[in-house]
Amino acid sequence: MTCPRLVATDLDGTALRADGTISPRTAAAFARVENAGGTLVFVTGRPPRWMHSVAGAVHHRGLAICANGALVYDLHTEEIVESHLIAADILEESVQRLRGQVPDLTFSVEYEGGFAHESDFKLGGWDTRTVSGLRVGTSTLTSRPCAKLLAHHPSMNPDELHRRVLEVVGDLVTPTHSSGRALIEMSAYGVTKASALAALAAERGIKPDEVVAFGDMPNDLPMLTWAGTSYAVANAHPDVLAAVDHVTAANNDDGVAQVLEGLF
């Protein structure tokens, strides 16, 4: 294909190595995109509070779509510039339904400016190394709009849990998942990585067939099916490997960089 006008890539498990870092090779490949006049967008499930190290690694250039499409984040200023939130009443009803239909779930919430969780919610990832989250009761947790509602189950298979959550609250919110844990991430209804990326591309007059996208997990599927050209890294979820146009090397082998070096 000719040089794409927009490159959209997931971070964890895709462009980042297993230790959460951007390799020098991948950082150089990202610079190639921008030096050639392309638009580079990071499209991630991460909240903005997990983006500082990424912003530094790319020299505070470009935009990031965070929280699976709920928040657009300016890497230059490290500020949220657009939000699509779950309303408080929808948040409350979603938690009530899920608690009634799927026993043993615990919940946490990403707000625009922070994170809160129930006392028995099992923290994972970066949150095990920080003290950024507030322990609150359920009524406090659901008392104001949020970017993302998260539900954790102690033992269910992640794919099965996703199916159950979709059955129970799929008319209220948009559930997905992005890790090996039984952790479901819910955005406002209709908000996905694709919805945010499509809006950003339209603002710049960029069509889907001028976009190449990279991902590894089910939360990437809307973006990968929207983009004109899609790549999965070799370590991707089976559903993602089955859905994409191409497969590149694994994240630890700089698979995204290998493709971008060929395109740019």
Protein backbone atom coordinates (compact mmCIF):
# COMPACT_ATOMS: atom_id res chain seq x y z
CA MET A 1 0.00 0.00 0.00
CA THR A 2 1.02 3.63 -0.37
CA CYS A 3 2.03 5.53 2.76
CA PRO A 4 -1.02 5.74 5.00
CA ARG A 5 -2.09 9.21 6.10
CA LEU A 6 -2.88 7.98 9.61
CA VAL A 7 -1.28 5.27 11.73
CA ALA A 8 -3.32 4.12 14.73
CA THR A 9 -1.76 1.75 17.20
CA ASP A 10 -2.67 0.15 20.47
CA LEU A 11 0.01 0.31 23.16
CA ASP A 12 0.08 -2.54 25.72
CA GLY A 13 0.73 -5.87 24.07
CA THR A 14 1.08 -4.23 20.65
CA ALA A 15 3.53 -1.34 20.31
CA LEU A 16 4.92 -1.66 23.83
CA ARG A 17 7.12 -4.51 24.95
CA ALA A 18 6.02 -6.83 27.75
CA ASP A 19 7.75 -4.61 30.31
CA GLY A 20 5.64 -1.63 29.19
CA THR A 21 8.46 0.23 27.43
CA ILE A 22 8.77 1.60 23.90
CA SER A 23 11.89 0.16 22.30
CA PRO A 24 14.32 2.53 20.55
CA ARG A 25 13.45 0.85 17.24
CA THR A 26 9.72 1.46 17.71
CA ALA A 27 10.28 5.05 18.85
CA ALA A 28 12.34 5.64 15.69
CA ALA A 29 9.58 4.11 13.55
CA PHE A 30 7.01 6.44 15.13
CA ALA A 31 9.26 9.40 14.29
CA ARG A 32 9.38 8.21 10.67
CA VAL A 33 5.60 8.46 10.44
CA GLU A 34 5.53 12.06 11.62
CA ASN A 35 8.62 13.07 9.63
CA ALA A 36 6.86 11.80 6.50
CA GLY A 37 3.82 13.97 7.27
CA GLY A 38 1.65 11.16 8.60
CA THR A 39 -0.60 11.39 11.64
CA LEU A 40 0.28 9.06 14.52
CA VAL A 41 -2.42 8.26 17.07
CA PHE A 42 -2.08 6.01 20.08
CA VAL A 43 -5.41 4.28 20.71
CA THR A 44 -5.38 2.60 24.08
CA GLY A 45 -7.47 1.26 26.91
CA ARG A 46 -5.12 3.06 29.28
CA PRO A 47 -6.41 6.02 31.25
CA PRO A 48 -4.54 9.31 30.87
CA ARG A 49 -2.91 8.81 34.27
CA TRP A 50 -0.92 5.94 32.74
CA MET A 51 0.30 8.02 29.76
CA HIS A 52 3.10 10.15 31.20
CA SER A 53 5.90 7.71 30.35
CA VAL A 54 4.52 7.24 26.83
CA ALA A 55 4.31 11.01 26.31
CA GLY A 56 7.95 11.35 27.30
CA ALA A 57 9.09 8.49 25.06
CA VAL A 58 7.51 10.16 21.99
CA HIS A 59 8.73 13.62 22.95
CA HIS A 60 5.22 14.83 23.77
CA ARG A 61 4.02 14.66 20.16
CA GLY A 62 0.54 13.87 18.90
CA LEU A 63 -2.76 12.75 20.35
CA ALA A 64 -3.83 9.67 22.24
CA ILE A 65 -7.28 8.15 22.38
CA CYS A 66 -7.54 6.77 25.92
CA ALA A 67 -9.96 4.61 27.91
CA ASN A 68 -11.10 2.75 24.76
CA GLY A 69 -12.35 5.91 23.05
CA ALA A 70 -13.84 7.77 25.99
CA LEU A 71 -11.08 10.36 26.32
CA VAL A 72 -8.91 12.18 23.78
CA TYR A 73 -5.60 13.23 25.33
CA ASP A 74 -3.09 15.79 24.07
CA LEU A 75 0.39 14.35 24.59
CA HIS A 76 1.98 17.80 24.25
CA THR A 77 0.09 19.40 27.12
CA GLU A 78 -0.84 16.11 28.84
CA GLU A 79 -4.43 17.30 29.10
CA ILE A 80 -7.80 15.77 28.22
CA VAL A 81 -9.28 17.63 25.24
CA GLU A 82 -12.45 15.60 24.64
CA SER A 83 -14.63 13.33 26.78
CA HIS A 84 -17.45 10.83 26.18
CA LEU A 85 -18.63 9.77 29.63
CA ILE A 86 -21.07 7.27 31.13
CA ALA A 87 -23.83 9.26 32.85
CA ALA A 88 -24.21 8.67 36.58
CA ASP A 89 -27.69 7.14 36.30
CA ILE A 90 -26.53 4.69 33.62
CA LEU A 91 -23.49 3.84 35.71
CA GLU A 92 -25.64 3.11 38.75
CA GLU A 93 -28.09 0.94 36.81
CA SER A 94 -25.28 -0.99 35.12
CA VAL A 95 -23.70 -1.88 38.46
CA GLN A 96 -27.07 -2.87 39.94
CA ARG A 97 -27.92 -5.16 37.00
CA LEU A 98 -24.52 -6.80 36.95
CA ARG A 99 -24.44 -7.32 40.69
CA GLY A 100 -27.82 -9.02 40.47
CA GLN A 101 -27.03 -11.22 37.47
CA VAL A 102 -23.31 -12.07 37.79
CA PRO A 103 -22.36 -12.99 41.36
CA ASP A 104 -18.93 -12.14 42.81
CA LEU A 105 -18.23 -9.12 40.61
CA THR A 106 -16.36 -6.17 42.10
CA PHE A 107 -16.14 -2.74 40.50
CA SER A 108 -13.86 0.20 39.87
CA VAL A 109 -14.30 3.40 37.89
CA GLU A 110 -12.03 5.66 35.83
CA TYR A 111 -13.09 9.29 36.08
CA GLU A 112 -11.63 12.06 33.95
CA GLY A 113 -9.30 12.99 36.78
CA GLY A 114 -8.78 9.88 38.85
CA PHE A 115 -9.65 6.35 39.83
CA ALA A 116 -11.82 4.79 42.55
CA HIS A 117 -12.58 1.21 43.50
CA GLU A 118 -14.53 -0.91 45.92
CA SER A 119 -12.48 -2.18 48.83
CA ASP A 120 -12.46 -5.78 47.58
CA PHE A 121 -11.67 -4.93 43.94
CA LYS A 122 -8.44 -6.70 42.96
CA LEU A 123 -6.04 -4.16 41.52
CA GLY A 124 -3.82 -5.10 38.59
CA GLY A 125 -1.18 -3.62 36.33
CA TRP A 126 0.06 -0.16 37.18
CA ASP A 127 -2.42 0.25 40.01
CA THR A 128 -0.61 -2.36 42.10
CA ARG A 129 2.40 -0.02 42.09
CA THR A 130 0.62 3.25 42.83
CA VAL A 131 -1.69 4.61 45.51
CA SER A 132 -3.78 6.66 43.09
CA GLY A 133 -7.12 4.95 43.64
CA LEU A 134 -9.65 5.82 46.33
CA ARG A 135 -11.47 3.02 48.15
CA VAL A 136 -15.14 3.94 48.20
CA GLY A 137 -18.58 2.41 48.62
CA THR A 138 -20.70 1.51 45.62
CA SER A 139 -23.02 4.51 45.99
CA THR A 140 -20.05 6.89 45.92
CA LEU A 141 -18.46 5.00 43.03
CA THR A 142 -21.52 5.55 40.84
CA SER A 143 -22.35 9.07 41.96
CA ARG A 144 -20.80 10.96 39.05
CA PRO A 145 -20.10 10.43 35.34
CA CYS A 146 -17.07 8.34 34.43
CA ALA A 147 -14.97 7.41 31.42
CA LYS A 148 -14.86 3.69 32.14
CA LEU A 149 -16.55 1.21 34.44
CA LEU A 150 -14.54 -1.93 35.21
CA ALA A 151 -15.90 -5.21 36.56
CA HIS A 152 -13.65 -7.99 37.86
CA HIS A 153 -14.56 -11.60 38.53
CA PRO A 154 -12.30 -13.88 40.59
CA SER A 155 -12.55 -16.97 38.39
CA MET A 156 -14.52 -16.68 35.13
CA ASN A 157 -12.92 -16.99 31.71
CA PRO A 158 -12.52 -13.45 30.30
CA ASP A 159 -14.33 -14.24 27.03
CA GLU A 160 -17.23 -15.87 28.85
CA LEU A 161 -17.46 -12.98 31.30
CA HIS A 162 -17.57 -10.56 28.39
CA ARG A 163 -20.48 -12.48 26.87
CA ARG A 164 -22.38 -12.40 30.16
CA VAL A 165 -21.79 -8.68 30.71
CA LEU A 166 -22.88 -7.93 27.14
CA GLU A 167 -26.14 -9.84 27.72
CA VAL A 168 -26.88 -7.98 30.95
CA VAL A 169 -25.90 -4.37 30.17
CA GLY A 170 -25.17 -4.25 26.44
CA ASP A 171 -28.15 -1.93 25.97
CA LEU A 172 -26.69 0.57 28.46
CA VAL A 173 -22.93 0.56 27.88
CA THR A 174 -20.33 -0.90 25.50
CA PRO A 175 -18.33 -3.71 27.16
CA THR A 176 -14.97 -5.05 26.00
CA HIS A 177 -11.82 -6.57 27.46
CA SER A 178 -8.12 -6.23 26.92
CA SER A 179 -6.19 -8.47 29.30
CA GLY A 180 -5.86 -12.06 30.36
CA ARG A 181 -7.72 -11.25 33.57
CA ALA A 182 -11.47 -11.61 33.99
CA LEU A 183 -11.76 -7.83 33.81
CA ILE A 184 -14.41 -6.18 31.66
CA GLU A 185 -14.10 -2.54 30.62
CA MET A 186 -17.30 -0.62 29.88
CA SER A 187 -17.59 2.70 28.02
CA ALA A 188 -20.62 4.85 27.26
CA TYR A 189 -22.97 3.19 24.78
CA GLY A 190 -21.45 3.27 21.28
CA VAL A 191 -18.07 4.56 22.45
CA THR A 192 -15.19 2.45 21.14
CA LYS A 193 -11.68 2.92 19.86
CA ALA A 194 -13.23 3.07 16.37
CA SER A 195 -15.79 5.76 17.19
CA ALA A 196 -13.14 8.11 18.55
CA LEU A 197 -10.65 7.33 15.78
CA ALA A 198 -13.26 7.83 13.06
CA ALA A 199 -14.17 11.25 14.47
CA LEU A 200 -10.53 12.28 14.68
CA ALA A 201 -9.86 11.11 11.11
CA ALA A 202 -12.96 12.89 9.76
CA GLU A 203 -11.82 16.16 11.32
CA ARG A 204 -8.63 15.83 9.28
CA GLY A 205 -10.31 14.70 6.06
CA ILE A 206 -8.79 11.22 6.34
CA LYS A 207 -10.78 8.25 5.00
CA PRO A 208 -10.70 4.74 6.49
CA ASP A 209 -8.80 3.39 3.48
CA GLU A 210 -6.00 5.87 4.30
CA VAL A 211 -5.57 4.39 7.78
CA VAL A 212 -3.44 1.50 9.00
CA ALA A 213 -4.16 0.15 12.50
CA PHE A 214 -2.39 -2.24 14.87
CA GLY A 215 -3.79 -4.18 17.83
CA ASP A 216 -3.78 -7.34 19.90
CA MET A 217 -6.94 -7.67 22.03
CA PRO A 218 -10.74 -7.65 21.64
CA ASN A 219 -10.98 -3.96 22.58
CA ASP A 220 -9.02 -3.29 19.36
CA LEU A 221 -11.49 -5.10 17.09
CA PRO A 222 -13.75 -2.09 16.31
CA MET A 223 -10.70 -0.04 15.30
CA LEU A 224 -9.15 -2.86 13.29
CA THR A 225 -12.34 -3.55 11.34
CA TRP A 226 -12.88 0.18 10.69
CA ALA A 227 -9.36 0.87 9.36
CA GLY A 228 -8.61 0.26 5.71
CA THR A 229 -5.61 -1.91 6.60
CA SER A 230 -5.31 -3.85 9.84
CA TYR A 231 -2.44 -5.69 11.51
CA ALA A 232 -2.33 -7.93 14.56
CA VAL A 233 0.87 -8.70 16.38
CA ALA A 234 1.68 -12.42 16.55
CA ASN A 235 0.87 -12.56 20.28
CA ALA A 236 -2.70 -11.29 19.71
CA HIS A 237 -5.95 -12.80 20.97
CA PRO A 238 -7.33 -15.51 18.59
CA ASP A 239 -10.37 -13.35 17.71
CA VAL A 240 -8.06 -10.54 16.63
CA LEU A 241 -5.80 -12.81 14.59
CA ALA A 242 -8.89 -14.07 12.77
CA ALA A 243 -10.22 -10.59 11.99
CA VAL A 244 -7.22 -8.69 10.59
CA ASP A 245 -5.77 -8.33 7.10
CA HIS A 246 -2.18 -9.06 8.17
CA VAL A 247 -0.15 -10.46 11.06
CA THR A 248 3.23 -9.01 12.01
CA ALA A 249 5.84 -10.09 14.55
CA ALA A 250 5.10 -10.07 18.28
CA ASN A 251 5.26 -6.95 20.41
CA ASN A 252 8.56 -8.04 21.97
CA ASP A 253 10.01 -8.38 18.46
CA ASP A 254 9.00 -4.85 17.39
CA GLY A 255 6.30 -6.07 15.02
CA VAL A 256 4.71 -2.62 14.64
CA ALA A 257 8.08 -1.06 13.87
CA GLN A 258 8.81 -3.70 11.23
CA VAL A 259 5.67 -2.76 9.32
CA LEU A 260 6.16 0.99 9.68
CA GLU A 261 9.75 0.76 8.44
CA GLY A 262 8.40 -0.82 5.26
CA LEU A 263 5.61 1.73 4.83
CA PHE A 264 7.67 4.84 5.59
